[in-house]
Amino acid sequence: MTIIKRGKFLTVEGTEGVGKTTNIAFIKTWLERNGIEYVATREPGGTPLAEEVRALLLAPRAEKVQENAELLLVFAARAQHLAQVIEPALAQGKWVLCDRFTDATYAYQGGGRQMEKSTIATLENLVQKSLRPDAVILLDIPVQLGLERARGRGELDRFEQEDIAFFERVRAAYRERAGANRHYRIVDASQTLEQVQAALETHLNQLLQETL
């Protein structure tokens, strides 16, 4: 009987305008070049139901979204995503590459919205049990620079419309988590694209060596 080695769970995090889309494409190329079977997905989202929740969360609206409602929607989408996509892929030995995960909740709802970390942790344990990413790549950039990049892309979603103080708290929360968790890899996203991707490749090669 062949025992399938569980896959690796890799997430990419960062504030607005850090270049996640471009750099996730680079990571996909690296995975393919190394012959690693993978599933690429995102949060909120990843399944039809979770994508509907994503649309609810991101759409600008006149009605103020209550913070607990926002948090519960995030974890509702995550529960579906885990059951339908992430857990099955990992069990099949595939790597999962996810654009944001629970660290984003600690950053945006915990840091940005200033919600209690203990509340987030309770939902994290309920929905995820012991599952945590094997590695978190944090693309870090000064907030003003990131917002200038993001706002050059066109229409802003509900989160992108927040003020700069909100995003400063988000970035601070990310950096705090990076300092407290050894599985974080920080990449300075204000560098040139070539420098960013060279740093990414170094981190990815180290992660691959750890799995051998």
Protein backbone atom coordinates (compact mmCIF):
# COMPACT_ATOMS: atom_id res chain seq x y z
CA MET A 1 0.00 0.00 0.00
CA THR A 2 1.40 3.38 -1.06
CA ILE A 3 1.38 6.05 1.61
CA ILE A 4 0.78 9.50 0.16
CA LYS A 5 2.88 12.20 1.78
CA ARG A 6 0.72 15.14 2.77
CA GLY A 7 1.23 18.24 0.66
CA LYS A 8 2.55 21.60 1.77
CA PHE A 9 0.30 24.57 2.47
CA LEU A 10 1.84 27.86 1.26
CA THR A 11 0.09 31.21 1.64
CA VAL A 12 0.95 34.66 0.28
CA GLU A 13 0.02 37.72 2.33
CA GLY A 14 0.40 41.48 2.19
CA THR A 15 -1.39 44.81 2.19
CA GLU A 16 -2.77 46.52 -0.91
CA GLY A 17 -0.45 47.00 -3.87
CA VAL A 18 2.29 44.57 -2.84
CA GLY A 19 2.15 42.68 -6.14
CA LYS A 20 0.55 39.44 -5.00
CA THR A 21 -0.91 38.57 -8.42
CA THR A 22 2.41 38.95 -10.24
CA ASN A 23 4.39 37.11 -7.60
CA ILE A 24 1.89 34.28 -7.21
CA ALA A 25 2.27 33.74 -10.97
CA PHE A 26 6.04 33.52 -10.39
CA ILE A 27 5.51 30.94 -7.60
CA LYS A 28 3.29 28.85 -9.89
CA THR A 29 6.08 28.81 -12.49
CA TRP A 30 8.57 27.75 -9.80
CA LEU A 31 6.28 24.91 -8.66
CA GLU A 32 5.87 23.69 -12.23
CA ARG A 33 9.60 23.90 -12.89
CA ASN A 34 10.23 21.73 -9.83
CA GLY A 35 7.61 19.17 -10.85
CA ILE A 36 5.36 19.88 -7.84
CA GLU A 37 1.67 19.19 -8.30
CA TYR A 38 -0.31 22.03 -6.79
CA VAL A 39 -3.66 23.76 -6.42
CA ALA A 40 -3.78 27.56 -6.60
CA THR A 41 -6.66 29.23 -4.81
CA ARG A 42 -7.60 32.38 -2.91
CA GLU A 43 -9.42 33.81 0.10
CA PRO A 44 -12.06 34.80 0.55
CA GLY A 45 -13.18 32.42 -2.18
CA GLY A 46 -11.96 29.21 -3.75
CA THR A 47 -15.35 27.51 -4.18
CA PRO A 48 -18.59 28.72 -5.79
CA LEU A 49 -20.20 29.36 -2.40
CA ALA A 50 -17.10 31.00 -0.96
CA GLU A 51 -16.79 33.22 -4.05
CA GLU A 52 -20.36 34.42 -3.45
CA VAL A 53 -19.37 35.33 0.11
CA ARG A 54 -16.28 37.11 -1.27
CA ALA A 55 -18.53 39.25 -3.46
CA LEU A 56 -20.62 40.16 -0.41
CA LEU A 57 -17.54 41.10 1.58
CA LEU A 58 -15.83 43.23 -1.08
CA ALA A 59 -18.78 45.09 -2.59
CA PRO A 60 -18.97 48.75 -1.54
CA ARG A 61 -22.32 49.46 0.11
CA ALA A 62 -24.15 52.24 1.91
CA GLU A 63 -25.05 49.94 4.80
CA LYS A 64 -22.34 49.75 7.46
CA VAL A 65 -21.12 46.17 7.77
CA GLN A 66 -21.04 45.14 11.42
CA GLU A 67 -17.57 43.89 12.36
CA ASN A 68 -18.72 40.53 13.76
CA ALA A 69 -20.83 39.99 10.63
CA GLU A 70 -17.74 40.59 8.49
CA LEU A 71 -15.63 38.23 10.60
CA LEU A 72 -18.23 35.46 10.53
CA LEU A 73 -18.60 35.77 6.76
CA VAL A 74 -14.83 35.42 6.37
CA PHE A 75 -14.78 32.22 8.41
CA ALA A 76 -17.93 30.85 6.76
CA ALA A 77 -16.19 31.12 3.39
CA ARG A 78 -13.03 29.61 4.91
CA ALA A 79 -14.88 26.59 6.30
CA GLN A 80 -16.28 25.81 2.86
CA HIS A 81 -12.91 26.41 1.20
CA LEU A 82 -11.10 24.10 3.61
CA ALA A 83 -13.59 21.26 3.20
CA GLN A 84 -13.94 21.46 -0.56
CA VAL A 85 -10.48 22.47 -1.77
CA ILE A 86 -7.62 22.81 0.72
CA GLU A 87 -7.91 19.67 2.84
CA PRO A 88 -8.61 17.30 -0.11
CA ALA A 89 -5.63 18.67 -2.07
CA LEU A 90 -3.23 18.36 0.87
CA ALA A 91 -4.45 14.81 1.55
CA GLN A 92 -3.68 13.93 -2.09
CA GLY A 93 -0.10 15.10 -1.63
CA LYS A 94 -0.54 18.33 -3.60
CA TRP A 95 0.84 21.65 -2.50
CA VAL A 96 -1.76 24.36 -1.94
CA LEU A 97 -0.83 27.90 -2.93
CA CYS A 98 -3.33 30.32 -1.41
CA ASP A 99 -3.67 34.06 -1.96
CA ARG A 100 -4.34 35.09 1.67
CA PHE A 101 -5.56 32.94 4.55
CA THR A 102 -6.18 33.42 8.28
CA ASP A 103 -3.18 35.70 8.77
CA ALA A 104 -5.13 38.19 6.66
CA THR A 105 -7.99 37.94 9.15
CA TYR A 106 -5.65 38.76 12.02
CA ALA A 107 -4.27 41.67 9.97
CA TYR A 108 -7.45 43.15 8.50
CA GLN A 109 -10.06 42.35 11.14
CA GLY A 110 -7.66 42.15 14.09
CA GLY A 111 -5.33 44.99 13.12
CA GLY A 112 -7.40 47.12 10.76
CA ARG A 113 -10.76 46.74 12.55
CA GLN A 114 -9.08 46.40 15.97
CA MET A 115 -11.09 43.30 16.86
CA GLU A 116 -10.00 41.07 19.72
CA LYS A 117 -7.40 38.50 18.66
CA SER A 118 -8.97 36.00 21.05
CA THR A 119 -12.24 36.18 19.10
CA ILE A 120 -10.42 35.46 15.85
CA ALA A 121 -8.46 32.64 17.51
CA THR A 122 -11.67 31.01 18.73
CA LEU A 123 -13.06 30.88 15.19
CA GLU A 124 -9.69 29.80 13.81
CA ASN A 125 -9.61 26.79 16.12
CA LEU A 126 -13.25 25.95 15.43
CA VAL A 127 -12.95 26.08 11.64
CA GLN A 128 -9.37 24.93 11.09
CA LYS A 129 -8.69 22.72 14.10
CA SER A 130 -4.92 22.12 13.93
CA LEU A 131 -4.42 23.16 10.31
CA ARG A 132 -1.99 26.03 9.80
CA PRO A 133 0.12 27.05 6.77
CA ASP A 134 3.54 25.43 6.47
CA ALA A 135 4.90 28.74 5.23
CA VAL A 136 3.58 32.29 4.92
CA ILE A 137 5.25 34.61 2.43
CA LEU A 138 4.63 38.19 3.52
CA LEU A 139 5.15 40.73 0.76
CA ASP A 140 5.84 43.86 2.77
CA ILE A 141 5.71 47.43 1.50
CA PRO A 142 5.26 50.92 2.98
CA VAL A 143 1.53 51.60 3.05
CA GLN A 144 1.56 54.82 1.04
CA LEU A 145 3.51 53.22 -1.80
CA GLY A 146 1.21 50.20 -1.85
CA LEU A 147 -1.92 52.33 -1.92
CA GLU A 148 -0.56 54.41 -4.80
CA ARG A 149 -0.04 51.20 -6.76
CA ALA A 150 -3.46 49.79 -5.82
CA ARG A 151 -5.35 52.96 -6.64
CA GLY A 152 -3.80 53.01 -10.07
CA ARG A 153 -5.66 49.80 -10.91
CA GLY A 154 -9.12 51.37 -11.12
CA GLU A 155 -12.28 50.98 -9.06
CA LEU A 156 -11.67 50.23 -5.37
CA ASP A 157 -13.42 47.51 -3.37
CA ARG A 158 -14.88 48.05 0.13
CA PHE A 159 -11.58 47.34 1.89
CA GLU A 160 -9.45 49.37 -0.51
CA GLN A 161 -11.59 52.40 0.31
CA GLU A 162 -10.42 52.43 3.95
CA ASP A 163 -8.18 55.27 5.12
CA ILE A 164 -4.40 55.09 5.44
CA ALA A 165 -4.55 54.63 9.23
CA PHE A 166 -6.49 51.39 8.69
CA PHE A 167 -3.78 50.02 6.40
CA GLU A 168 -1.00 51.13 8.73
CA ARG A 169 -2.65 48.98 11.43
CA VAL A 170 -2.99 46.10 8.96
CA ARG A 171 0.70 46.27 8.06
CA ALA A 172 1.71 46.51 11.73
CA ALA A 173 -0.40 43.42 12.52
CA TYR A 174 1.24 41.47 9.71
CA ARG A 175 4.72 42.45 10.87
CA GLU A 176 3.85 41.57 14.46
CA ARG A 177 2.73 38.09 13.39
CA ALA A 178 5.85 37.69 11.26
CA GLY A 179 8.00 38.43 14.28
CA ALA A 180 6.18 35.86 16.41
CA ASN A 181 5.92 32.98 13.90
CA ARG A 182 8.94 31.18 12.50
CA HIS A 183 7.09 29.95 9.41
CA TYR A 184 6.85 33.50 8.05
CA ARG A 185 9.16 34.61 5.23
CA ILE A 186 9.26 38.39 4.73
CA VAL A 187 10.04 39.81 1.29
CA ASP A 188 10.60 43.55 0.77
CA ALA A 189 8.07 44.23 -2.01
CA SER A 190 9.30 47.80 -2.55
CA GLN A 191 12.35 46.41 -4.38
CA THR A 192 12.49 45.85 -8.14
CA LEU A 193 10.49 42.89 -9.44
CA GLU A 194 13.73 41.02 -10.17
CA GLN A 195 14.93 41.50 -6.58
CA VAL A 196 11.56 40.46 -5.15
CA GLN A 197 11.46 37.30 -7.22
CA ALA A 198 15.07 36.42 -6.42
CA ALA A 199 14.15 36.61 -2.71
CA LEU A 200 11.04 34.53 -3.34
CA GLU A 201 13.06 31.85 -5.10
CA THR A 202 15.49 31.67 -2.18
CA HIS A 203 12.64 31.14 0.29
CA LEU A 204 10.93 28.58 -1.95
CA ASN A 205 14.14 26.60 -2.43
CA GLN A 206 14.62 26.51 1.34
CA LEU A 207 11.05 25.29 1.80
CA LEU A 208 11.60 22.57 -0.78
CA GLN A 209 14.77 21.42 0.96
CA GLU A 210 12.86 21.16 4.23
CA THR A 211 10.41 18.74 2.62
CA LEU A 212 13.04 16.34 1.24
